[in-house]
Amino acid sequence: RLRVEDEYAHGEKIYGARGEEADGHAPERTSEEFREFVGILYARKLLPPSWALKDEMALFDRAEENIHIPLKEPDLVELFGRSGGEEAVLRAIAESALGPVGNWLPFSKYDYDDEDYIEVHQSDY
């Protein structure tokens, strides 16, 4: 949710819950984006070494309650307090996975630069 907000605020791109809010894209798409992001975290070894399928399933179950709601500044204060330390760590992890703001999911089946979000194939990347 934090990376989606950063993309919205700084990259002026609309993904995840912001996409649901702005153009009504299906909640399933947000779920797919989140699962792809977690897959990238796993592939780049950014999850704990003990990460297991049960952890992933628990994460996806818990995430479904939250990923469809845009993250706003008051949410950040509620989640992390005013220190910003955790927020900085999460941003660093997202940047390690995706690169700087402006880069999104590299193998997504959605072409985010197209207004109609035409599906593209992974082999096209």
N, C-alpha and C. Protein backbone atom coordinates (compact mmCIF):
# COMPACT_ATOMS: atom_id res chain seq x y z
N ARG A 1 0.82 -1.19 0.00
CA ARG A 1 0.00 0.00 0.00
C ARG A 1 0.87 1.25 0.00
N LEU A 2 1.98 1.21 0.72
CA LEU A 2 2.85 2.37 0.77
C LEU A 2 3.46 2.66 -0.60
N ARG A 3 3.92 1.63 -1.31
CA ARG A 3 4.50 1.85 -2.64
C ARG A 3 3.43 2.35 -3.62
N VAL A 4 2.22 1.84 -3.51
CA VAL A 4 1.13 2.32 -4.37
C VAL A 4 0.91 3.82 -4.13
N GLU A 5 0.94 4.23 -2.87
CA GLU A 5 0.77 5.66 -2.56
C GLU A 5 1.94 6.48 -3.08
N ASP A 6 3.16 5.95 -2.94
CA ASP A 6 4.33 6.67 -3.45
C ASP A 6 4.25 6.83 -4.97
N GLU A 7 3.81 5.78 -5.66
CA GLU A 7 3.65 5.87 -7.11
C GLU A 7 2.60 6.93 -7.46
N TYR A 8 1.55 6.98 -6.68
CA TYR A 8 0.47 7.93 -6.92
C TYR A 8 0.94 9.36 -6.65
N ALA A 9 1.64 9.55 -5.53
CA ALA A 9 2.04 10.90 -5.12
C ALA A 9 3.23 11.43 -5.90
N HIS A 10 4.20 10.57 -6.20
CA HIS A 10 5.45 11.04 -6.80
C HIS A 10 5.61 10.62 -8.26
N GLY A 11 5.06 9.47 -8.59
CA GLY A 11 5.20 9.00 -9.96
C GLY A 11 3.99 9.30 -10.81
N GLU A 12 2.94 9.79 -10.15
CA GLU A 12 1.69 10.13 -10.82
C GLU A 12 1.11 8.96 -11.61
N LYS A 13 1.32 7.76 -11.10
CA LYS A 13 0.76 6.55 -11.70
C LYS A 13 -0.29 5.99 -10.75
N ILE A 14 -1.27 5.32 -11.29
CA ILE A 14 -2.37 4.82 -10.47
C ILE A 14 -2.40 3.30 -10.55
N TYR A 15 -2.15 2.68 -9.40
CA TYR A 15 -2.14 1.22 -9.29
C TYR A 15 -2.95 0.81 -8.06
N GLY A 16 -3.08 -0.49 -7.89
CA GLY A 16 -3.66 -1.05 -6.67
C GLY A 16 -4.97 -0.41 -6.28
N ALA A 17 -5.10 -0.11 -5.00
CA ALA A 17 -6.33 0.47 -4.47
C ALA A 17 -6.63 1.82 -5.10
N ARG A 18 -5.60 2.56 -5.49
CA ARG A 18 -5.82 3.84 -6.16
C ARG A 18 -6.48 3.62 -7.52
N GLY A 19 -6.13 2.54 -8.20
CA GLY A 19 -6.77 2.20 -9.46
C GLY A 19 -8.22 1.82 -9.27
N GLU A 20 -8.49 1.09 -8.20
CA GLU A 20 -9.89 0.74 -7.90
C GLU A 20 -10.70 2.00 -7.67
N GLU A 21 -10.10 2.94 -6.92
CA GLU A 21 -10.76 4.18 -6.57
C GLU A 21 -10.95 5.08 -7.79
N ALA A 22 -9.92 5.18 -8.63
CA ALA A 22 -9.93 6.14 -9.74
C ALA A 22 -10.69 5.65 -10.97
N ASP A 23 -10.38 4.43 -11.39
CA ASP A 23 -10.99 3.99 -12.65
C ASP A 23 -11.80 2.72 -12.53
N GLY A 24 -11.99 2.29 -11.30
CA GLY A 24 -12.86 1.15 -11.08
C GLY A 24 -12.31 -0.19 -11.52
N HIS A 25 -10.97 -0.31 -11.59
CA HIS A 25 -10.49 -1.63 -11.99
C HIS A 25 -10.81 -2.65 -10.91
N ALA A 26 -10.92 -3.87 -11.30
CA ALA A 26 -11.42 -4.93 -10.44
C ALA A 26 -10.51 -5.17 -9.23
N PRO A 27 -11.11 -5.42 -8.08
CA PRO A 27 -10.32 -5.74 -6.89
C PRO A 27 -9.39 -6.94 -7.12
N GLU A 28 -9.80 -7.86 -7.98
CA GLU A 28 -8.96 -9.02 -8.27
C GLU A 28 -7.62 -8.58 -8.86
N ARG A 29 -7.65 -7.50 -9.61
CA ARG A 29 -6.41 -7.00 -10.19
C ARG A 29 -5.45 -6.52 -9.10
N THR A 30 -5.98 -5.83 -8.10
CA THR A 30 -5.15 -5.38 -6.98
C THR A 30 -4.56 -6.59 -6.27
N SER A 31 -5.36 -7.63 -6.08
CA SER A 31 -4.86 -8.85 -5.44
C SER A 31 -3.75 -9.48 -6.27
N GLU A 32 -3.92 -9.52 -7.59
CA GLU A 32 -2.89 -10.08 -8.47
C GLU A 32 -1.60 -9.26 -8.38
N GLU A 33 -1.74 -7.94 -8.36
CA GLU A 33 -0.56 -7.07 -8.24
C GLU A 33 0.18 -7.35 -6.93
N PHE A 34 -0.56 -7.49 -5.86
CA PHE A 34 0.07 -7.75 -4.56
C PHE A 34 0.79 -9.09 -4.57
N ARG A 35 0.14 -10.11 -5.11
CA ARG A 35 0.78 -11.43 -5.19
C ARG A 35 2.05 -11.38 -6.04
N GLU A 36 2.01 -10.63 -7.12
CA GLU A 36 3.20 -10.50 -7.96
C GLU A 36 4.31 -9.79 -7.20
N PHE A 37 3.97 -8.75 -6.46
CA PHE A 37 4.96 -8.03 -5.66
C PHE A 37 5.61 -8.96 -4.63
N VAL A 38 4.81 -9.75 -3.95
CA VAL A 38 5.37 -10.70 -2.97
C VAL A 38 6.27 -11.72 -3.68
N GLY A 39 5.88 -12.15 -4.88
CA GLY A 39 6.73 -13.06 -5.65
C GLY A 39 8.08 -12.44 -5.97
N ILE A 40 8.09 -11.16 -6.28
CA ILE A 40 9.35 -10.46 -6.55
C ILE A 40 10.18 -10.38 -5.27
N LEU A 41 9.53 -10.08 -4.16
CA LEU A 41 10.25 -10.05 -2.88
C LEU A 41 10.91 -11.40 -2.61
N TYR A 42 10.17 -12.47 -2.86
CA TYR A 42 10.69 -13.82 -2.63
C TYR A 42 11.87 -14.11 -3.58
N ALA A 43 11.69 -13.81 -4.85
CA ALA A 43 12.73 -14.08 -5.84
C ALA A 43 14.01 -13.30 -5.57
N ARG A 44 13.87 -12.11 -5.02
CA ARG A 44 15.06 -11.28 -4.74
C ARG A 44 15.58 -11.49 -3.33
N LYS A 45 15.04 -12.51 -2.66
CA LYS A 45 15.48 -12.88 -1.31
C LYS A 45 15.33 -11.72 -0.31
N LEU A 46 14.21 -11.00 -0.42
CA LEU A 46 13.93 -9.90 0.47
C LEU A 46 12.96 -10.29 1.59
N LEU A 47 12.57 -11.56 1.61
CA LEU A 47 11.75 -12.10 2.69
C LEU A 47 12.66 -12.90 3.61
N PRO A 48 12.23 -13.13 4.84
CA PRO A 48 13.08 -13.90 5.77
C PRO A 48 13.44 -15.27 5.21
N PRO A 49 14.64 -15.77 5.54
CA PRO A 49 15.06 -17.09 5.04
C PRO A 49 14.11 -18.22 5.42
N SER A 50 13.41 -18.04 6.52
CA SER A 50 12.49 -19.08 6.98
C SER A 50 11.11 -18.99 6.32
N TRP A 51 10.94 -18.08 5.35
CA TRP A 51 9.66 -17.86 4.69
C TRP A 51 9.16 -19.17 4.09
N ALA A 52 7.90 -19.48 4.36
CA ALA A 52 7.31 -20.74 3.89
C ALA A 52 5.93 -20.46 3.29
N LEU A 53 5.40 -21.46 2.61
CA LEU A 53 4.09 -21.32 1.98
C LEU A 53 3.03 -20.92 2.99
N LYS A 54 3.09 -21.46 4.20
CA LYS A 54 2.09 -21.10 5.21
C LYS A 54 2.16 -19.61 5.55
N ASP A 55 3.38 -19.04 5.54
CA ASP A 55 3.54 -17.61 5.79
C ASP A 55 2.90 -16.80 4.65
N GLU A 56 3.13 -17.27 3.44
CA GLU A 56 2.59 -16.58 2.28
C GLU A 56 1.06 -16.61 2.30
N MET A 57 0.50 -17.76 2.61
CA MET A 57 -0.96 -17.88 2.64
C MET A 57 -1.54 -16.98 3.73
N ALA A 58 -0.90 -16.94 4.90
CA ALA A 58 -1.36 -16.07 5.98
C ALA A 58 -1.27 -14.60 5.57
N LEU A 59 -0.17 -14.24 4.90
CA LEU A 59 -0.01 -12.86 4.42
C LEU A 59 -1.11 -12.49 3.44
N PHE A 60 -1.38 -13.36 2.48
CA PHE A 60 -2.42 -13.06 1.49
C PHE A 60 -3.79 -12.95 2.14
N ASP A 61 -4.08 -13.83 3.10
CA ASP A 61 -5.37 -13.75 3.79
C ASP A 61 -5.50 -12.42 4.53
N ARG A 62 -4.47 -12.04 5.25
CA ARG A 62 -4.50 -10.78 6.02
C ARG A 62 -4.51 -9.57 5.09
N ALA A 63 -3.75 -9.64 4.02
CA ALA A 63 -3.64 -8.51 3.10
C ALA A 63 -4.97 -8.19 2.43
N GLU A 64 -5.76 -9.21 2.15
CA GLU A 64 -7.04 -8.97 1.47
C GLU A 64 -7.93 -8.01 2.24
N GLU A 65 -7.73 -7.90 3.55
CA GLU A 65 -8.51 -6.98 4.35
C GLU A 65 -8.07 -5.53 4.13
N ASN A 66 -6.85 -5.34 3.63
CA ASN A 66 -6.26 -4.00 3.61
C ASN A 66 -5.88 -3.46 2.25
N ILE A 67 -5.49 -4.32 1.31
CA ILE A 67 -4.88 -3.81 0.08
C ILE A 67 -5.85 -3.08 -0.84
N HIS A 68 -7.12 -3.16 -0.57
CA HIS A 68 -8.11 -2.51 -1.42
C HIS A 68 -8.49 -1.12 -0.90
N ILE A 69 -7.80 -0.68 0.14
CA ILE A 69 -8.07 0.62 0.76
C ILE A 69 -6.83 1.49 0.56
N PRO A 70 -6.96 2.65 -0.11
CA PRO A 70 -5.80 3.51 -0.27
C PRO A 70 -5.21 3.92 1.08
N LEU A 71 -3.91 4.00 1.13
CA LEU A 71 -3.19 4.40 2.34
C LEU A 71 -3.05 5.91 2.33
N LYS A 72 -3.49 6.54 3.39
CA LYS A 72 -3.41 7.99 3.50
C LYS A 72 -2.44 8.35 4.63
N GLU A 73 -2.01 9.60 4.68
CA GLU A 73 -1.05 10.06 5.69
C GLU A 73 -1.46 9.71 7.12
N PRO A 74 -2.72 9.94 7.51
CA PRO A 74 -3.11 9.55 8.88
C PRO A 74 -2.94 8.05 9.15
N ASP A 75 -3.11 7.23 8.11
CA ASP A 75 -2.89 5.80 8.27
C ASP A 75 -1.44 5.51 8.60
N LEU A 76 -0.52 6.24 7.97
CA LEU A 76 0.90 6.05 8.24
C LEU A 76 1.23 6.37 9.69
N VAL A 77 0.68 7.46 10.19
CA VAL A 77 0.91 7.84 11.59
C VAL A 77 0.34 6.78 12.52
N GLU A 78 -0.85 6.29 12.19
CA GLU A 78 -1.47 5.26 13.02
C GLU A 78 -0.65 3.97 13.00
N LEU A 79 -0.15 3.59 11.83
CA LEU A 79 0.61 2.34 11.71
C LEU A 79 2.01 2.44 12.27
N PHE A 80 2.69 3.56 12.01
CA PHE A 80 4.12 3.64 12.32
C PHE A 80 4.48 4.70 13.35
N GLY A 81 3.52 5.50 13.80
CA GLY A 81 3.86 6.60 14.68
C GLY A 81 4.47 7.73 13.88
N ARG A 82 5.08 8.64 14.55
CA ARG A 82 5.64 9.81 13.86
C ARG A 82 7.12 9.67 13.53
N SER A 83 7.74 8.58 13.94
CA SER A 83 9.19 8.44 13.75
C SER A 83 9.56 8.24 12.29
N GLY A 84 8.75 7.48 11.55
CA GLY A 84 9.02 7.25 10.14
C GLY A 84 10.07 6.19 9.87
N GLY A 85 10.64 5.60 10.89
CA GLY A 85 11.67 4.59 10.70
C GLY A 85 11.17 3.37 9.94
N GLU A 86 10.03 2.84 10.36
CA GLU A 86 9.47 1.67 9.68
C GLU A 86 9.07 2.00 8.26
N GLU A 87 8.55 3.19 8.09
CA GLU A 87 8.14 3.66 6.77
C GLU A 87 9.35 3.69 5.83
N ALA A 88 10.48 4.16 6.31
CA ALA A 88 11.69 4.23 5.50
C ALA A 88 12.18 2.83 5.14
N VAL A 89 12.08 1.90 6.07
CA VAL A 89 12.49 0.52 5.81
C VAL A 89 11.61 -0.10 4.73
N LEU A 90 10.30 0.09 4.84
CA LEU A 90 9.38 -0.45 3.84
C LEU A 90 9.64 0.15 2.46
N ARG A 91 9.92 1.44 2.42
CA ARG A 91 10.23 2.08 1.13
C ARG A 91 11.52 1.50 0.54
N ALA A 92 12.50 1.26 1.39
CA ALA A 92 13.77 0.70 0.92
C ALA A 92 13.58 -0.72 0.38
N ILE A 93 12.75 -1.50 1.04
CA ILE A 93 12.47 -2.86 0.57
C ILE A 93 11.78 -2.80 -0.79
N ALA A 94 10.77 -1.93 -0.91
CA ALA A 94 10.06 -1.80 -2.20
C ALA A 94 11.01 -1.35 -3.29
N GLU A 95 11.93 -0.44 -2.98
CA GLU A 95 12.88 0.02 -3.98
C GLU A 95 13.85 -1.09 -4.36
N SER A 96 14.23 -1.92 -3.40
CA SER A 96 15.10 -3.07 -3.70
C SER A 96 14.39 -4.06 -4.62
N ALA A 97 13.09 -4.16 -4.46
CA ALA A 97 12.32 -5.11 -5.29
C ALA A 97 12.02 -4.54 -6.67
N LEU A 98 11.60 -3.28 -6.73
CA LEU A 98 11.07 -2.72 -7.97
C LEU A 98 11.94 -1.64 -8.61
N GLY A 99 12.88 -1.12 -7.85
CA GLY A 99 13.63 0.03 -8.32
C GLY A 99 12.96 1.30 -7.81
N PRO A 100 13.40 2.46 -8.28
CA PRO A 100 12.84 3.71 -7.78
C PRO A 100 11.38 3.90 -8.19
N VAL A 101 10.72 4.82 -7.50
CA VAL A 101 9.34 5.15 -7.85
C VAL A 101 9.30 5.49 -9.33
N GLY A 102 8.29 4.99 -9.99
CA GLY A 102 8.16 5.13 -11.44
C GLY A 102 8.32 3.78 -12.12
N ASN A 103 8.91 2.83 -11.41
CA ASN A 103 8.99 1.44 -11.90
C ASN A 103 7.90 0.66 -11.20
N TRP A 104 7.20 -0.15 -11.95
CA TRP A 104 6.14 -0.95 -11.34
C TRP A 104 6.43 -2.41 -11.63
N LEU A 105 5.49 -3.24 -11.46
CA LEU A 105 5.68 -4.67 -11.58
C LEU A 105 6.17 -5.04 -12.97
N PRO A 106 7.37 -5.59 -13.09
CA PRO A 106 7.97 -5.79 -14.41
C PRO A 106 7.32 -6.86 -15.28
N PHE A 107 6.65 -7.82 -14.68
CA PHE A 107 6.09 -8.91 -15.47
C PHE A 107 4.57 -8.94 -15.41
N SER A 108 3.99 -7.81 -15.06
CA SER A 108 2.54 -7.76 -14.95
C SER A 108 1.89 -8.05 -16.30
N LYS A 109 0.73 -8.66 -16.24
CA LYS A 109 0.00 -8.91 -17.48
C LYS A 109 -0.76 -7.67 -17.94
N TYR A 110 -0.63 -6.59 -17.20
CA TYR A 110 -1.29 -5.34 -17.57
C TYR A 110 -0.26 -4.36 -18.10
N ASP A 111 -0.59 -3.69 -19.17
CA ASP A 111 0.25 -2.63 -19.72
C ASP A 111 -0.26 -1.33 -19.09
N TYR A 112 0.45 -0.85 -18.08
CA TYR A 112 -0.04 0.30 -17.32
C TYR A 112 0.07 1.62 -18.06
N ASP A 113 0.78 1.65 -19.18
CA ASP A 113 0.89 2.88 -19.93
C ASP A 113 -0.25 3.05 -20.92
N ASP A 114 -1.08 2.03 -21.04
CA ASP A 114 -2.21 2.09 -21.97
C ASP A 114 -3.47 2.45 -21.19
N GLU A 115 -4.24 3.39 -21.69
CA GLU A 115 -5.44 3.82 -20.98
C GLU A 115 -6.41 2.69 -20.71
N ASP A 116 -6.47 1.74 -21.61
CA ASP A 116 -7.43 0.64 -21.46
C ASP A 116 -6.84 -0.55 -20.73
N TYR A 117 -5.58 -0.44 -20.27
CA TYR A 117 -4.92 -1.52 -19.55
C TYR A 117 -4.98 -2.83 -20.33
N ILE A 118 -4.54 -2.76 -21.57
CA ILE A 118 -4.55 -3.95 -22.42
C ILE A 118 -3.60 -4.98 -21.84
N GLU A 119 -4.06 -6.22 -21.78
CA GLU A 119 -3.20 -7.28 -21.28
C GLU A 119 -2.08 -7.55 -22.27
N VAL A 120 -0.88 -7.71 -21.74
CA VAL A 120 0.27 -8.08 -22.56
C VAL A 120 0.85 -9.36 -21.99
N HIS A 121 1.67 -10.02 -22.77
CA HIS A 121 2.25 -11.28 -22.34
C HIS A 121 3.62 -11.06 -21.75
N GLN A 122 3.97 -11.88 -20.75
CA GLN A 122 5.27 -11.75 -20.10
C GLN A 122 6.41 -11.84 -21.11
N SER A 123 6.25 -12.64 -22.13
CA SER A 123 7.32 -12.82 -23.11
C SER A 123 7.58 -11.53 -23.91
N ASP A 124 6.67 -10.57 -23.83
CA ASP A 124 6.85 -9.32 -24.55
C ASP A 124 7.82 -8.38 -23.85
N TYR A 125 8.18 -8.67 -22.59
CA TYR A 125 9.08 -7.78 -21.84
C TYR A 125 10.52 -8.06 -22.16
